[in-house]
Amino acid sequence: MHEINMLRDKFGGSALFGNEKDDSFKSRIGQIYQTFGGVELYPSVEEKAAMLLYLVTKNHSFSDGNKRIAATLFLWFMKITMVLSIVKMVPSVLPIIQSLPSC
């Protein structure tokens, strides 16, 4: 994923950073779209983003950088779903959001 590669470069280029240990990251992505009885378990974009943040942080899908990757993916997800408004950003966060690629 492009965002993880950008982070790897930003944090020194370690081969372990963002290295998937198994298929659990792909599973976490699928989990935020999970349904039960035809009803989404996480119906809003905010709930999906929050679960993505939680699951990537908790389940350690990567050898290194899980919290940094989770935080970046949270912001990226909110940006691509147009929930995150750059106009409302705190000035210190604005450069981070603007550097994230769009889909």
N, C-alpha and C. Protein backbone atom coordinates (compact mmCIF):
# COMPACT_ATOMS: atom_id res chain seq x y z
N MET A 1 0.84 -1.18 0.00
CA MET A 1 0.00 0.00 0.00
C MET A 1 0.88 1.24 0.00
N HIS A 2 0.54 2.17 -0.83
CA HIS A 2 1.34 3.38 -1.02
C HIS A 2 1.55 4.16 0.28
N GLU A 3 0.51 4.28 1.10
CA GLU A 3 0.61 5.04 2.34
C GLU A 3 1.63 4.43 3.29
N ILE A 4 1.66 3.11 3.36
CA ILE A 4 2.62 2.44 4.26
C ILE A 4 4.04 2.63 3.74
N ASN A 5 4.23 2.57 2.44
CA ASN A 5 5.56 2.82 1.88
C ASN A 5 6.03 4.23 2.16
N MET A 6 5.11 5.21 2.09
CA MET A 6 5.47 6.59 2.42
C MET A 6 5.91 6.70 3.87
N LEU A 7 5.20 6.04 4.76
CA LEU A 7 5.56 6.06 6.17
C LEU A 7 6.92 5.40 6.40
N ARG A 8 7.15 4.29 5.72
CA ARG A 8 8.43 3.59 5.86
C ARG A 8 9.58 4.53 5.53
N ASP A 9 9.46 5.25 4.44
CA ASP A 9 10.50 6.20 4.04
C ASP A 9 10.65 7.31 5.07
N LYS A 10 9.53 7.78 5.59
CA LYS A 10 9.55 8.88 6.57
C LYS A 10 10.23 8.46 7.87
N PHE A 11 10.08 7.20 8.27
CA PHE A 11 10.61 6.73 9.54
C PHE A 11 11.90 5.92 9.39
N GLY A 12 12.65 6.14 8.35
CA GLY A 12 13.98 5.57 8.26
C GLY A 12 14.16 4.40 7.32
N GLY A 13 13.12 3.90 6.73
CA GLY A 13 13.27 2.86 5.72
C GLY A 13 13.56 1.47 6.23
N SER A 14 13.24 1.17 7.49
CA SER A 14 13.47 -0.17 8.04
C SER A 14 12.69 -1.22 7.25
N ALA A 15 13.33 -2.35 6.99
CA ALA A 15 12.68 -3.44 6.27
C ALA A 15 11.54 -4.05 7.09
N LEU A 16 11.59 -3.89 8.40
CA LEU A 16 10.54 -4.44 9.26
C LEU A 16 9.30 -3.56 9.29
N PHE A 17 9.46 -2.25 9.08
CA PHE A 17 8.33 -1.33 9.16
C PHE A 17 7.33 -1.65 8.05
N GLY A 18 6.10 -1.90 8.45
CA GLY A 18 5.04 -2.17 7.48
C GLY A 18 5.11 -3.54 6.85
N ASN A 19 6.00 -4.40 7.34
CA ASN A 19 6.11 -5.76 6.84
C ASN A 19 4.96 -6.60 7.41
N GLU A 20 4.07 -7.07 6.53
CA GLU A 20 2.94 -7.87 7.00
C GLU A 20 3.44 -9.22 7.52
N LYS A 21 3.04 -9.56 8.75
CA LYS A 21 3.46 -10.82 9.34
C LYS A 21 2.66 -11.99 8.80
N ASP A 22 1.42 -11.72 8.42
CA ASP A 22 0.52 -12.76 7.91
C ASP A 22 -0.60 -12.07 7.13
N ASP A 23 -1.71 -12.74 6.93
CA ASP A 23 -2.82 -12.15 6.17
C ASP A 23 -3.81 -11.40 7.06
N SER A 24 -3.43 -11.14 8.31
CA SER A 24 -4.39 -10.52 9.24
C SER A 24 -4.77 -9.10 8.84
N PHE A 25 -3.89 -8.37 8.16
CA PHE A 25 -4.24 -7.01 7.75
C PHE A 25 -5.39 -7.04 6.74
N LYS A 26 -5.32 -7.92 5.78
CA LYS A 26 -6.41 -8.05 4.80
C LYS A 26 -7.71 -8.45 5.50
N SER A 27 -7.60 -9.28 6.51
CA SER A 27 -8.76 -9.69 7.28
C SER A 27 -9.37 -8.50 8.01
N ARG A 28 -8.53 -7.62 8.54
CA ARG A 28 -9.02 -6.43 9.26
C ARG A 28 -9.77 -5.49 8.33
N ILE A 29 -9.28 -5.37 7.10
CA ILE A 29 -9.98 -4.54 6.12
C ILE A 29 -11.37 -5.11 5.86
N GLY A 30 -11.44 -6.42 5.68
CA GLY A 30 -12.74 -7.06 5.45
C GLY A 30 -13.65 -6.95 6.66
N GLN A 31 -13.08 -6.97 7.83
CA GLN A 31 -13.88 -6.95 9.06
C GLN A 31 -14.68 -5.66 9.22
N ILE A 32 -14.15 -4.54 8.74
CA ILE A 32 -14.89 -3.29 8.92
C ILE A 32 -16.13 -3.22 8.01
N TYR A 33 -16.21 -4.13 7.03
CA TYR A 33 -17.37 -4.19 6.14
C TYR A 33 -18.28 -5.38 6.47
N GLN A 34 -18.07 -5.98 7.61
CA GLN A 34 -18.80 -7.17 8.02
C GLN A 34 -20.29 -6.87 8.24
N THR A 35 -21.13 -7.85 7.91
CA THR A 35 -22.57 -7.73 8.13
C THR A 35 -23.07 -8.90 8.96
N PHE A 36 -24.23 -8.72 9.54
CA PHE A 36 -24.91 -9.80 10.26
C PHE A 36 -26.39 -9.67 9.94
N GLY A 37 -26.95 -10.69 9.35
CA GLY A 37 -28.35 -10.65 8.95
C GLY A 37 -28.63 -9.56 7.92
N GLY A 38 -27.63 -9.28 7.10
CA GLY A 38 -27.79 -8.27 6.06
C GLY A 38 -27.61 -6.84 6.54
N VAL A 39 -27.28 -6.68 7.81
CA VAL A 39 -27.09 -5.34 8.38
C VAL A 39 -25.61 -5.13 8.69
N GLU A 40 -25.07 -4.01 8.23
CA GLU A 40 -23.66 -3.72 8.51
C GLU A 40 -23.42 -3.56 10.01
N LEU A 41 -22.35 -4.18 10.51
CA LEU A 41 -22.01 -4.04 11.93
C LEU A 41 -21.45 -2.65 12.23
N TYR A 42 -20.81 -2.05 11.24
CA TYR A 42 -20.24 -0.70 11.38
C TYR A 42 -20.78 0.14 10.24
N PRO A 43 -22.01 0.64 10.39
CA PRO A 43 -22.69 1.28 9.25
C PRO A 43 -22.13 2.63 8.82
N SER A 44 -21.59 3.40 9.73
CA SER A 44 -21.11 4.73 9.33
C SER A 44 -19.63 4.69 8.97
N VAL A 45 -19.23 5.67 8.19
CA VAL A 45 -17.82 5.79 7.82
C VAL A 45 -16.96 5.98 9.07
N GLU A 46 -17.46 6.76 10.01
CA GLU A 46 -16.71 7.00 11.25
C GLU A 46 -16.50 5.71 12.04
N GLU A 47 -17.53 4.87 12.10
CA GLU A 47 -17.40 3.59 12.80
C GLU A 47 -16.41 2.66 12.10
N LYS A 48 -16.45 2.65 10.77
CA LYS A 48 -15.49 1.84 10.01
C LYS A 48 -14.07 2.32 10.27
N ALA A 49 -13.86 3.62 10.22
CA ALA A 49 -12.53 4.19 10.44
C ALA A 49 -12.04 3.90 11.86
N ALA A 50 -12.92 4.04 12.83
CA ALA A 50 -12.55 3.77 14.22
C ALA A 50 -12.18 2.30 14.41
N MET A 51 -12.95 1.39 13.80
CA MET A 51 -12.63 -0.03 13.92
C MET A 51 -11.33 -0.37 13.22
N LEU A 52 -11.07 0.27 12.08
CA LEU A 52 -9.80 0.05 11.39
C LEU A 52 -8.64 0.47 12.28
N LEU A 53 -8.75 1.63 12.90
CA LEU A 53 -7.72 2.12 13.83
C LEU A 53 -7.52 1.12 14.97
N TYR A 54 -8.61 0.71 15.58
CA TYR A 54 -8.55 -0.23 16.70
C TYR A 54 -7.94 -1.57 16.30
N LEU A 55 -8.44 -2.15 15.21
CA LEU A 55 -8.02 -3.49 14.82
C LEU A 55 -6.55 -3.55 14.39
N VAL A 56 -6.10 -2.57 13.62
CA VAL A 56 -4.69 -2.59 13.19
C VAL A 56 -3.78 -2.38 14.39
N THR A 57 -4.18 -1.51 15.32
CA THR A 57 -3.37 -1.28 16.52
C THR A 57 -3.34 -2.52 17.41
N LYS A 58 -4.49 -3.10 17.66
CA LYS A 58 -4.60 -4.23 18.59
C LYS A 58 -4.00 -5.53 18.07
N ASN A 59 -4.19 -5.82 16.79
CA ASN A 59 -3.84 -7.14 16.28
C ASN A 59 -2.42 -7.26 15.73
N HIS A 60 -1.69 -6.19 15.69
CA HIS A 60 -0.28 -6.22 15.27
C HIS A 60 -0.06 -7.04 14.00
N SER A 61 -0.65 -6.58 12.91
CA SER A 61 -0.51 -7.26 11.63
C SER A 61 0.86 -7.06 11.00
N PHE A 62 1.60 -6.07 11.49
CA PHE A 62 2.90 -5.72 10.91
C PHE A 62 4.02 -5.99 11.91
N SER A 63 5.21 -6.22 11.40
CA SER A 63 6.37 -6.47 12.26
C SER A 63 6.73 -5.23 13.07
N ASP A 64 6.54 -4.05 12.48
CA ASP A 64 6.87 -2.79 13.15
C ASP A 64 5.98 -1.70 12.59
N GLY A 65 5.62 -0.73 13.43
CA GLY A 65 4.89 0.45 12.99
C GLY A 65 3.38 0.34 13.07
N ASN A 66 2.86 -0.61 13.83
CA ASN A 66 1.41 -0.84 13.87
C ASN A 66 0.61 0.41 14.26
N LYS A 67 1.03 1.11 15.31
CA LYS A 67 0.28 2.29 15.76
C LYS A 67 0.39 3.42 14.75
N ARG A 68 1.57 3.64 14.20
CA ARG A 68 1.75 4.70 13.21
C ARG A 68 0.96 4.39 11.95
N ILE A 69 0.98 3.14 11.53
CA ILE A 69 0.22 2.73 10.35
C ILE A 69 -1.27 2.87 10.61
N ALA A 70 -1.74 2.43 11.78
CA ALA A 70 -3.15 2.52 12.11
C ALA A 70 -3.64 3.97 12.11
N ALA A 71 -2.86 4.86 12.71
CA ALA A 71 -3.25 6.28 12.76
C ALA A 71 -3.30 6.87 11.35
N THR A 72 -2.33 6.54 10.53
CA THR A 72 -2.30 7.05 9.16
C THR A 72 -3.47 6.50 8.35
N LEU A 73 -3.75 5.21 8.49
CA LEU A 73 -4.87 4.61 7.76
C LEU A 73 -6.21 5.21 8.20
N PHE A 74 -6.32 5.50 9.49
CA PHE A 74 -7.54 6.15 10.00
C PHE A 74 -7.75 7.49 9.30
N LEU A 75 -6.72 8.32 9.27
CA LEU A 75 -6.83 9.63 8.62
C LEU A 75 -7.06 9.49 7.12
N TRP A 76 -6.35 8.55 6.48
CA TRP A 76 -6.49 8.31 5.05
C TRP A 76 -7.92 7.89 4.72
N PHE A 77 -8.47 6.95 5.50
CA PHE A 77 -9.82 6.46 5.28
C PHE A 77 -10.83 7.59 5.42
N MET A 78 -10.66 8.41 6.44
CA MET A 78 -11.57 9.54 6.64
C MET A 78 -11.45 10.55 5.49
N LYS A 79 -10.25 10.70 4.97
CA LYS A 79 -10.05 11.64 3.86
C LYS A 79 -10.69 11.14 2.57
N ILE A 80 -10.45 9.87 2.22
CA ILE A 80 -10.98 9.37 0.95
C ILE A 80 -12.49 9.23 0.96
N THR A 81 -13.09 9.10 2.14
CA THR A 81 -14.54 9.00 2.22
C THR A 81 -15.16 10.39 2.38
N MET A 82 -14.34 11.41 2.31
CA MET A 82 -14.76 12.81 2.35
C MET A 82 -15.39 13.22 3.67
N VAL A 83 -15.15 12.47 4.73
CA VAL A 83 -15.67 12.83 6.05
C VAL A 83 -14.75 13.85 6.69
N LEU A 84 -13.48 13.70 6.44
CA LEU A 84 -12.49 14.58 7.04
C LEU A 84 -12.38 15.85 6.22
N SER A 85 -12.75 16.94 6.81
CA SER A 85 -12.71 18.23 6.12
C SER A 85 -11.43 18.96 6.47
N ILE A 86 -10.64 19.25 5.46
CA ILE A 86 -9.38 19.95 5.68
C ILE A 86 -9.63 21.34 6.26
N VAL A 87 -10.76 21.93 5.94
CA VAL A 87 -11.07 23.27 6.43
C VAL A 87 -11.17 23.28 7.96
N LYS A 88 -11.63 22.19 8.55
CA LYS A 88 -11.84 22.12 9.99
C LYS A 88 -10.62 21.59 10.76
N MET A 89 -9.52 21.31 10.07
CA MET A 89 -8.36 20.71 10.70
C MET A 89 -7.63 21.65 11.65
N VAL A 90 -7.09 21.07 12.70
CA VAL A 90 -6.18 21.78 13.57
C VAL A 90 -4.92 22.07 12.77
N PRO A 91 -4.37 23.27 12.84
CA PRO A 91 -3.21 23.61 12.00
C PRO A 91 -2.05 22.63 12.04
N SER A 92 -1.78 22.01 13.18
CA SER A 92 -0.65 21.09 13.28
C SER A 92 -0.91 19.78 12.53
N VAL A 93 -2.16 19.42 12.30
CA VAL A 93 -2.51 18.17 11.62
C VAL A 93 -2.65 18.39 10.11
N LEU A 94 -2.92 19.61 9.70
CA LEU A 94 -3.18 19.92 8.30
C LEU A 94 -2.09 19.42 7.35
N PRO A 95 -0.79 19.63 7.62
CA PRO A 95 0.23 19.14 6.69
C PRO A 95 0.21 17.62 6.51
N ILE A 96 -0.12 16.90 7.56
CA ILE A 96 -0.17 15.43 7.49
C ILE A 96 -1.31 15.01 6.57
N ILE A 97 -2.48 15.62 6.75
CA ILE A 97 -3.63 15.27 5.94
C ILE A 97 -3.39 15.61 4.48
N GLN A 98 -2.81 16.77 4.23
CA GLN A 98 -2.57 17.19 2.84
C GLN A 98 -1.56 16.28 2.15
N SER A 99 -0.67 15.66 2.89
CA SER A 99 0.34 14.80 2.29
C SER A 99 -0.20 13.41 1.93
N LEU A 100 -1.36 13.05 2.46
CA LEU A 100 -1.94 11.75 2.16
C LEU A 100 -2.50 11.73 0.76
N PRO A 101 -2.22 10.69 -0.02
CA PRO A 101 -2.72 10.62 -1.39
C PRO A 101 -4.22 10.38 -1.40
N SER A 102 -4.85 10.85 -2.43
CA SER A 102 -6.29 10.61 -2.63
C SER A 102 -6.45 9.37 -3.50
N CYS A 103 -7.61 8.76 -3.43
CA CYS A 103 -7.89 7.61 -4.30
C CYS A 103 -8.33 8.06 -5.65
